[in-house]
Amino acid sequence: MICEHNFKDIKTICCKHKKCSKCGVIIKTDLCSYHKPNSEKYSGKEYFKDIEPNLFSEGIPNNMKSIKEHIPIFNKIGFHIIRNKNLIEIGSGTGRLVPLFLRLGVNYVGIETNPWACKYVANSYFVPVIERHFEDIEVDDNCFDYVVCIHTLEHLKKADFAFEKMARILKPGGIMFIEIPDDTDLYNPDHFWFFNESVLTGWAEKNGLKKIGFLKQKIVERENFLYFLFEKKKV
């Protein structure tokens, strides 16, 4: 178990939030009247174009931009992928890094809830993408060499449960890469969980993971991006 949460209300400008007095994670429990109208249904191409406009260029997913941004990040944090290993991406979206992963020679599988994104990635890169919530699928323990989760954990309704599951499906000695925004901005209508370095490091330690890499960068004005590299301890 990650934490026997003890959530208590915290005072914020708007929306409703609670903070765990044990692990320090913050969750959003309700949107205010201002932010509710801005919350889009996560169903089609429009979500990515309207909520994440930087992911598109002239209506086409701008995956090359994401790859160029992540190569130096992977190098800095020490994320080196070995060929013929099994990699699962939680929240594959438009497949921003799928071409890079395939070029590095991994066996890729994606998990994604957006039907349009699933079809786009599967048809563009000929890889399996499961259209389900990660929390709802059955996955064997210790079956993946790499688990990748990029700007997904903060969107999940059960992020703590998902993190535990990610740790379980990772093989001993396997590597987990997580990219999330920090807890500077509590008002993004699509974010439900808010982290800092100590929160996720604590979660990892309780799930048999060792932090072997960390990077913090100011990518957007409203928040910092946190990059974690964890290794599952061998028994």
C-alpha atoms as a PDB file:
ATOM      1  CA  MET A   1       0.000   0.000   0.000  1.00  0.00           C
ATOM      2  CA  ILE A   2       1.269   3.455  -0.905  1.00  0.00           C
ATOM      3  CA  CYS A   3      -0.231   5.290   2.043  1.00  0.00           C
ATOM      4  CA  GLU A   4      -3.101   5.047   4.503  1.00  0.00           C
ATOM      5  CA  HIS A   5      -4.186   8.499   3.410  1.00  0.00           C
ATOM      6  CA  ASN A   6      -5.368  11.030   5.948  1.00  0.00           C
ATOM      7  CA  PHE A   7      -6.823  13.772   3.759  1.00  0.00           C
ATOM      8  CA  LYS A   8      -7.650  17.162   5.212  1.00  0.00           C
ATOM      9  CA  ASP A   9      -9.164  20.220   3.515  1.00  0.00           C
ATOM     10  CA  ILE A  10      -6.704  22.925   2.518  1.00  0.00           C
ATOM     11  CA  LYS A  11      -7.446  26.557   1.713  1.00  0.00           C
ATOM     12  CA  THR A  12      -6.990  27.459  -1.941  1.00  0.00           C
ATOM     13  CA  ILE A  13      -8.167  30.283  -4.194  1.00  0.00           C
ATOM     14  CA  CYS A  14     -10.933  28.217  -5.797  1.00  0.00           C
ATOM     15  CA  CYS A  15     -11.969  24.599  -6.394  1.00  0.00           C
ATOM     16  CA  LYS A  16     -11.777  22.193  -3.460  1.00  0.00           C
ATOM     17  CA  HIS A  17      -8.585  20.387  -2.468  1.00  0.00           C
ATOM     18  CA  LYS A  18      -7.402  18.015   0.229  1.00  0.00           C
ATOM     19  CA  LYS A  19      -3.857  17.195   1.302  1.00  0.00           C
ATOM     20  CA  CYS A  20      -2.680  13.958   2.860  1.00  0.00           C
ATOM     21  CA  SER A  21      -0.951  14.642   6.164  1.00  0.00           C
ATOM     22  CA  LYS A  22       1.067  11.433   5.747  1.00  0.00           C
ATOM     23  CA  CYS A  23       2.473  11.347   2.203  1.00  0.00           C
ATOM     24  CA  GLY A  24       1.841  14.987   1.235  1.00  0.00           C
ATOM     25  CA  VAL A  25      -0.058  14.366  -1.999  1.00  0.00           C
ATOM     26  CA  ILE A  26      -2.829  16.853  -2.877  1.00  0.00           C
ATOM     27  CA  ILE A  27      -6.076  15.853  -4.565  1.00  0.00           C
ATOM     28  CA  LYS A  28      -8.814  17.960  -6.137  1.00  0.00           C
ATOM     29  CA  THR A  29     -12.248  16.961  -4.882  1.00  0.00           C
ATOM     30  CA  ASP A  30     -14.442  19.437  -6.780  1.00  0.00           C
ATOM     31  CA  LEU A  31     -14.194  22.062  -9.511  1.00  0.00           C
ATOM     32  CA  CYS A  32     -15.401  25.598  -8.877  1.00  0.00           C
ATOM     33  CA  SER A  33     -18.029  27.203 -11.139  1.00  0.00           C
ATOM     34  CA  TYR A  34     -15.298  29.003 -13.127  1.00  0.00           C
ATOM     35  CA  HIS A  35     -13.302  25.886 -13.977  1.00  0.00           C
ATOM     36  CA  LYS A  36     -16.167  23.467 -14.583  1.00  0.00           C
ATOM     37  CA  PRO A  37     -17.122  24.899 -17.997  1.00  0.00           C
ATOM     38  CA  ASN A  38     -13.475  24.552 -19.123  1.00  0.00           C
ATOM     39  CA  SER A  39     -13.297  20.844 -18.392  1.00  0.00           C
ATOM     40  CA  GLU A  40     -13.545  18.989 -21.711  1.00  0.00           C
ATOM     41  CA  LYS A  41     -14.743  15.446 -22.267  1.00  0.00           C
ATOM     42  CA  TYR A  42     -11.800  13.192 -23.061  1.00  0.00           C
ATOM     43  CA  SER A  43     -13.211  11.456 -26.096  1.00  0.00           C
ATOM     44  CA  GLY A  44     -11.967  12.690 -29.478  1.00  0.00           C
ATOM     45  CA  LYS A  45      -9.353  14.604 -31.431  1.00  0.00           C
ATOM     46  CA  GLU A  46     -10.794  17.887 -30.156  1.00  0.00           C
ATOM     47  CA  TYR A  47      -9.443  17.242 -26.655  1.00  0.00           C
ATOM     48  CA  PHE A  48      -5.853  17.240 -27.883  1.00  0.00           C
ATOM     49  CA  LYS A  49      -6.383  20.208 -30.211  1.00  0.00           C
ATOM     50  CA  ASP A  50      -8.183  22.360 -27.625  1.00  0.00           C
ATOM     51  CA  ILE A  51      -6.578  21.337 -24.325  1.00  0.00           C
ATOM     52  CA  GLU A  52      -3.093  20.482 -25.615  1.00  0.00           C
ATOM     53  CA  PRO A  53      -2.732  22.674 -28.728  1.00  0.00           C
ATOM     54  CA  ASN A  54       1.074  22.350 -28.661  1.00  0.00           C
ATOM     55  CA  LEU A  55       0.608  18.682 -29.607  1.00  0.00           C
ATOM     56  CA  PHE A  56      -0.751  19.657 -33.035  1.00  0.00           C
ATOM     57  CA  SER A  57       0.621  21.559 -36.012  1.00  0.00           C
ATOM     58  CA  GLU A  58      -1.871  22.322 -38.807  1.00  0.00           C
ATOM     59  CA  GLY A  59      -4.128  19.596 -37.437  1.00  0.00           C
ATOM     60  CA  ILE A  60      -1.389  16.947 -37.433  1.00  0.00           C
ATOM     61  CA  PRO A  61       0.007  15.468 -34.190  1.00  0.00           C
ATOM     62  CA  ASN A  62       3.379  17.115 -33.625  1.00  0.00           C
ATOM     63  CA  ASN A  63       5.156  13.981 -32.428  1.00  0.00           C
ATOM     64  CA  MET A  64       8.549  14.937 -33.846  1.00  0.00           C
ATOM     65  CA  LYS A  65       8.648  17.976 -31.556  1.00  0.00           C
ATOM     66  CA  SER A  66       8.059  15.773 -28.515  1.00  0.00           C
ATOM     67  CA  ILE A  67      10.788  13.353 -29.565  1.00  0.00           C
ATOM     68  CA  LYS A  68      13.323  16.161 -29.985  1.00  0.00           C
ATOM     69  CA  GLU A  69      12.392  17.498 -26.547  1.00  0.00           C
ATOM     70  CA  HIS A  70      12.675  14.121 -24.813  1.00  0.00           C
ATOM     71  CA  ILE A  71      15.939  12.781 -26.247  1.00  0.00           C
ATOM     72  CA  PRO A  72      18.083  15.226 -24.188  1.00  0.00           C
ATOM     73  CA  ILE A  73      15.853  14.621 -21.140  1.00  0.00           C
ATOM     74  CA  PHE A  74      16.365  10.855 -21.415  1.00  0.00           C
ATOM     75  CA  ASN A  75      20.110  11.401 -21.753  1.00  0.00           C
ATOM     76  CA  LYS A  76      20.282  13.707 -18.725  1.00  0.00           C
ATOM     77  CA  ILE A  77      18.248  11.423 -16.492  1.00  0.00           C
ATOM     78  CA  GLY A  78      19.995   8.258 -17.692  1.00  0.00           C
ATOM     79  CA  PHE A  79      17.069   6.519 -19.375  1.00  0.00           C
ATOM     80  CA  HIS A  80      18.747   4.077 -21.779  1.00  0.00           C
ATOM     81  CA  ILE A  81      16.576   1.518 -23.555  1.00  0.00           C
ATOM     82  CA  ILE A  82      17.795  -1.954 -24.553  1.00  0.00           C
ATOM     83  CA  ARG A  83      16.495  -3.612 -27.716  1.00  0.00           C
ATOM     84  CA  ASN A  84      13.935  -6.434 -27.680  1.00  0.00           C
ATOM     85  CA  LYS A  85      12.611  -5.523 -24.232  1.00  0.00           C
ATOM     86  CA  ASN A  86       8.908  -5.102 -23.382  1.00  0.00           C
ATOM     87  CA  LEU A  87       7.658  -1.545 -22.832  1.00  0.00           C
ATOM     88  CA  ILE A  88       4.201  -0.398 -21.791  1.00  0.00           C
ATOM     89  CA  GLU A  89       3.117   3.231 -21.955  1.00  0.00           C
ATOM     90  CA  ILE A  90       0.289   4.326 -19.661  1.00  0.00           C
ATOM     91  CA  GLY A  91      -1.653   7.049 -21.478  1.00  0.00           C
ATOM     92  CA  SER A  92      -0.105   6.829 -24.929  1.00  0.00           C
ATOM     93  CA  GLY A  93      -2.176   9.762 -26.247  1.00  0.00           C
ATOM     94  CA  THR A  94      -1.192  10.619 -29.816  1.00  0.00           C
ATOM     95  CA  GLY A  95       1.886   8.404 -29.583  1.00  0.00           C
ATOM     96  CA  ARG A  96       4.296  11.286 -29.148  1.00  0.00           C
ATOM     97  CA  LEU A  97       7.261   9.009 -28.425  1.00  0.00           C
ATOM     98  CA  VAL A  98       6.181   5.799 -30.143  1.00  0.00           C
ATOM     99  CA  PRO A  99       8.466   6.338 -33.197  1.00  0.00           C
ATOM    100  CA  LEU A 100      11.436   6.798 -30.848  1.00  0.00           C
ATOM    101  CA  PHE A 101      10.618   3.674 -28.840  1.00  0.00           C
ATOM    102  CA  LEU A 102      10.220   1.610 -32.022  1.00  0.00           C
ATOM    103  CA  ARG A 103      13.485   2.963 -33.403  1.00  0.00           C
ATOM    104  CA  LEU A 104      15.171   1.819 -30.179  1.00  0.00           C
ATOM    105  CA  GLY A 105      13.791  -1.665 -30.820  1.00  0.00           C
ATOM    106  CA  VAL A 106      11.366  -2.321 -27.970  1.00  0.00           C
ATOM    107  CA  ASN A 107       8.172  -4.368 -28.034  1.00  0.00           C
ATOM    108  CA  TYR A 108       5.651  -1.592 -27.451  1.00  0.00           C
ATOM    109  CA  VAL A 109       2.109  -1.694 -26.081  1.00  0.00           C
ATOM    110  CA  GLY A 110       0.015   1.354 -25.182  1.00  0.00           C
ATOM    111  CA  ILE A 111      -2.903   1.955 -22.829  1.00  0.00           C
ATOM    112  CA  GLU A 112      -5.224   4.833 -23.771  1.00  0.00           C
ATOM    113  CA  THR A 113      -8.845   5.801 -23.073  1.00  0.00           C
ATOM    114  CA  ASN A 114      -9.349   8.208 -25.969  1.00  0.00           C
ATOM    115  CA  PRO A 115     -10.849   6.182 -28.883  1.00  0.00           C
ATOM    116  CA  TRP A 116      -9.538   8.527 -31.582  1.00  0.00           C
ATOM    117  CA  ALA A 117      -6.005   8.449 -30.147  1.00  0.00           C
ATOM    118  CA  CYS A 118      -6.064   4.646 -29.938  1.00  0.00           C
ATOM    119  CA  LYS A 119      -6.972   4.329 -33.607  1.00  0.00           C
ATOM    120  CA  TYR A 120      -4.457   6.983 -34.653  1.00  0.00           C
ATOM    121  CA  VAL A 121      -1.512   5.344 -32.868  1.00  0.00           C
ATOM    122  CA  ALA A 122      -2.453   1.783 -33.873  1.00  0.00           C
ATOM    123  CA  ASN A 123      -2.901   2.709 -37.538  1.00  0.00           C
ATOM    124  CA  SER A 124       0.105   5.032 -37.745  1.00  0.00           C
ATOM    125  CA  TYR A 125       2.683   2.812 -36.052  1.00  0.00           C
ATOM    126  CA  PHE A 126       1.153  -0.680 -36.242  1.00  0.00           C
ATOM    127  CA  VAL A 127       1.404  -1.253 -32.497  1.00  0.00           C
ATOM    128  CA  PRO A 128      -1.162  -2.634 -30.028  1.00  0.00           C
ATOM    129  CA  VAL A 129      -3.044   0.019 -28.069  1.00  0.00           C
ATOM    130  CA  ILE A 130      -5.607  -1.065 -25.481  1.00  0.00           C
ATOM    131  CA  GLU A 131      -8.635   1.243 -25.212  1.00  0.00           C
ATOM    132  CA  ARG A 132      -9.249   0.957 -21.486  1.00  0.00           C
ATOM    133  CA  HIS A 133      -8.552   2.686 -18.203  1.00  0.00           C
ATOM    134  CA  PHE A 134      -5.280   1.321 -16.880  1.00  0.00           C
ATOM    135  CA  GLU A 135      -6.854   0.758 -13.463  1.00  0.00           C
ATOM    136  CA  ASP A 136      -9.429  -1.593 -15.053  1.00  0.00           C
ATOM    137  CA  ILE A 137      -7.239  -3.932 -17.116  1.00  0.00           C
ATOM    138  CA  GLU A 138      -5.742  -7.229 -15.997  1.00  0.00           C
ATOM    139  CA  VAL A 139      -1.953  -7.329 -16.359  1.00  0.00           C
ATOM    140  CA  ASP A 140       0.379 -10.016 -15.043  1.00  0.00           C
ATOM    141  CA  ASP A 141       2.908  -8.993 -12.421  1.00  0.00           C
ATOM    142  CA  ASN A 142       6.595  -8.691 -13.369  1.00  0.00           C
ATOM    143  CA  CYS A 143       6.003  -8.754 -17.140  1.00  0.00           C
ATOM    144  CA  PHE A 144       7.409  -5.445 -18.442  1.00  0.00           C
ATOM    145  CA  ASP A 145      11.008  -4.265 -18.620  1.00  0.00           C
ATOM    146  CA  TYR A 146       9.936  -0.634 -18.962  1.00  0.00           C
ATOM    147  CA  VAL A 147       6.898   1.287 -17.739  1.00  0.00           C
ATOM    148  CA  VAL A 148       6.450   4.801 -19.146  1.00  0.00           C
ATOM    149  CA  CYS A 149       3.868   7.288 -17.863  1.00  0.00           C
ATOM    150  CA  ILE A 150       4.066  10.796 -19.331  1.00  0.00           C
ATOM    151  CA  HIS A 151       1.601  13.434 -18.087  1.00  0.00           C
ATOM    152  CA  THR A 152      -1.000  10.827 -17.213  1.00  0.00           C
ATOM    153  CA  LEU A 153      -0.764  10.132 -13.487  1.00  0.00           C
ATOM    154  CA  GLU A 154      -2.166  13.560 -12.560  1.00  0.00           C
ATOM    155  CA  HIS A 155      -5.304  12.894 -14.662  1.00  0.00           C
ATOM    156  CA  LEU A 156      -6.292   9.584 -13.114  1.00  0.00           C
ATOM    157  CA  LYS A 157      -9.087   9.242 -10.579  1.00  0.00           C
ATOM    158  CA  LYS A 158      -7.090   6.575  -8.697  1.00  0.00           C
ATOM    159  CA  ALA A 159      -3.502   7.645  -9.211  1.00  0.00           C
ATOM    160  CA  ASP A 160      -2.259   5.890  -6.080  1.00  0.00           C
ATOM    161  CA  PHE A 161      -3.810   2.577  -7.130  1.00  0.00           C
ATOM    162  CA  ALA A 162      -2.413   3.027 -10.663  1.00  0.00           C
ATOM    163  CA  PHE A 163       1.080   3.695  -9.337  1.00  0.00           C
ATOM    164  CA  GLU A 164       0.994   0.513  -7.254  1.00  0.00           C
ATOM    165  CA  LYS A 165      -0.121  -1.427 -10.325  1.00  0.00           C
ATOM    166  CA  MET A 166       2.654   0.091 -12.448  1.00  0.00           C
ATOM    167  CA  ALA A 167       5.194  -1.062  -9.868  1.00  0.00           C
ATOM    168  CA  ARG A 168       3.702  -4.583  -9.789  1.00  0.00           C
ATOM    169  CA  ILE A 169       3.841  -5.161 -13.541  1.00  0.00           C
ATOM    170  CA  LEU A 170       7.455  -4.021 -13.724  1.00  0.00           C
ATOM    171  CA  LYS A 171      10.044  -6.802 -13.711  1.00  0.00           C
ATOM    172  CA  PRO A 172      12.697  -6.854 -10.968  1.00  0.00           C
ATOM    173  CA  GLY A 173      15.511  -4.695 -12.316  1.00  0.00           C
ATOM    174  CA  GLY A 174      13.026  -2.996 -14.660  1.00  0.00           C
ATOM    175  CA  ILE A 175      12.860   0.749 -15.208  1.00  0.00           C
ATOM    176  CA  MET A 176       9.940   3.157 -14.741  1.00  0.00           C
ATOM    177  CA  PHE A 177       9.951   6.643 -16.284  1.00  0.00           C
ATOM    178  CA  ILE A 178       7.371   9.118 -15.007  1.00  0.00           C
ATOM    179  CA  GLU A 179       6.840  12.698 -16.160  1.00  0.00           C
ATOM    180  CA  ILE A 180       4.393  14.883 -14.247  1.00  0.00           C
ATOM    181  CA  PRO A 181       3.742  18.554 -13.442  1.00  0.00           C
ATOM    182  CA  ASP A 182       4.507  19.610  -9.888  1.00  0.00           C
ATOM    183  CA  ASP A 183       1.969  21.025  -7.427  1.00  0.00           C
ATOM    184  CA  THR A 184       2.538  24.695  -8.315  1.00  0.00           C
ATOM    185  CA  ASP A 185      -0.734  24.966 -10.263  1.00  0.00           C
ATOM    186  CA  LEU A 186      -3.704  23.417  -8.454  1.00  0.00           C
ATOM    187  CA  TYR A 187      -6.324  24.774 -10.847  1.00  0.00           C
ATOM    188  CA  ASN A 188      -5.896  22.873 -14.105  1.00  0.00           C
ATOM    189  CA  PRO A 189      -9.436  21.449 -14.571  1.00  0.00           C
ATOM    190  CA  ASP A 190      -8.089  18.141 -15.933  1.00  0.00           C
ATOM    191  CA  HIS A 191      -5.676  17.455 -13.069  1.00  0.00           C
ATOM    192  CA  PHE A 192      -6.893  15.611  -9.983  1.00  0.00           C
ATOM    193  CA  TRP A 193      -3.593  14.724  -8.250  1.00  0.00           C
ATOM    194  CA  PHE A 194      -0.697  17.055  -7.458  1.00  0.00           C
ATOM    195  CA  PHE A 195       2.815  15.907  -6.632  1.00  0.00           C
ATOM    196  CA  ASN A 196       6.263  17.074  -5.648  1.00  0.00           C
ATOM    197  CA  GLU A 197       9.552  15.187  -5.606  1.00  0.00           C
ATOM    198  CA  SER A 198       9.191  13.863  -2.059  1.00  0.00           C
ATOM    199  CA  VAL A 199       5.636  12.564  -2.618  1.00  0.00           C
ATOM    200  CA  LEU A 200       6.464  10.384  -5.598  1.00  0.00           C
ATOM    201  CA  THR A 201       9.814   9.308  -4.148  1.00  0.00           C
ATOM    202  CA  GLY A 202       7.975   8.140  -1.023  1.00  0.00           C
ATOM    203  CA  TRP A 203       5.375   6.279  -3.070  1.00  0.00           C
ATOM    204  CA  ALA A 204       8.166   4.571  -5.009  1.00  0.00           C
ATOM    205  CA  GLU A 205      10.063   3.436  -1.922  1.00  0.00           C
ATOM    206  CA  LYS A 206       6.936   1.826  -0.491  1.00  0.00           C
ATOM    207  CA  ASN A 207       6.531  -0.143  -3.713  1.00  0.00           C
ATOM    208  CA  GLY A 208      10.038  -1.534  -3.968  1.00  0.00           C
ATOM    209  CA  LEU A 209      11.353   1.108  -6.349  1.00  0.00           C
ATOM    210  CA  LYS A 210      14.618   3.010  -6.068  1.00  0.00           C
ATOM    211  CA  LYS A 211      14.972   6.510  -7.529  1.00  0.00           C
ATOM    212  CA  ILE A 212      17.967   6.456  -9.871  1.00  0.00           C
ATOM    213  CA  GLY A 213      17.316   9.679 -11.773  1.00  0.00           C
ATOM    214  CA  PHE A 214      15.479  12.962 -11.284  1.00  0.00           C
ATOM    215  CA  LEU A 215      15.153  16.193 -13.239  1.00  0.00           C
ATOM    216  CA  LYS A 216      13.117  19.353 -12.697  1.00  0.00           C
ATOM    217  CA  GLN A 217      12.554  21.800 -15.540  1.00  0.00           C
ATOM    218  CA  LYS A 218      10.477  24.910 -16.177  1.00  0.00           C
ATOM    219  CA  ILE A 219       8.716  23.997 -19.421  1.00  0.00           C
ATOM    220  CA  VAL A 220       5.560  26.111 -19.052  1.00  0.00           C
ATOM    221  CA  GLU A 221       5.024  29.279 -17.054  1.00  0.00           C
ATOM    222  CA  ARG A 222       2.405  27.978 -14.621  1.00  0.00           C
ATOM    223  CA  GLU A 223       4.288  24.927 -13.279  1.00  0.00           C
ATOM    224  CA  ASN A 224       7.468  22.870 -13.294  1.00  0.00           C
ATOM    225  CA  PHE A 225       7.774  19.468 -14.916  1.00  0.00           C
ATOM    226  CA  LEU A 226       9.245  16.623 -12.856  1.00  0.00           C
ATOM    227  CA  TYR A 227      11.018  13.666 -14.478  1.00  0.00           C
ATOM    228  CA  PHE A 228      11.604  10.499 -12.445  1.00  0.00           C
ATOM    229  CA  LEU A 229      13.541   7.355 -13.227  1.00  0.00           C
ATOM    230  CA  PHE A 230      12.921   4.427 -10.878  1.00  0.00           C
ATOM    231  CA  GLU A 231      14.397   0.953 -10.829  1.00  0.00           C
ATOM    232  CA  LYS A 232      12.544  -2.000  -9.323  1.00  0.00           C
ATOM    233  CA  LYS A 233      14.647  -3.667  -6.675  1.00  0.00           C
ATOM    234  CA  LYS A 234      15.667  -7.253  -7.297  1.00  0.00           C
ATOM    235  CA  VAL A 235      14.594  -9.781  -4.710  1.00  0.00           C
END
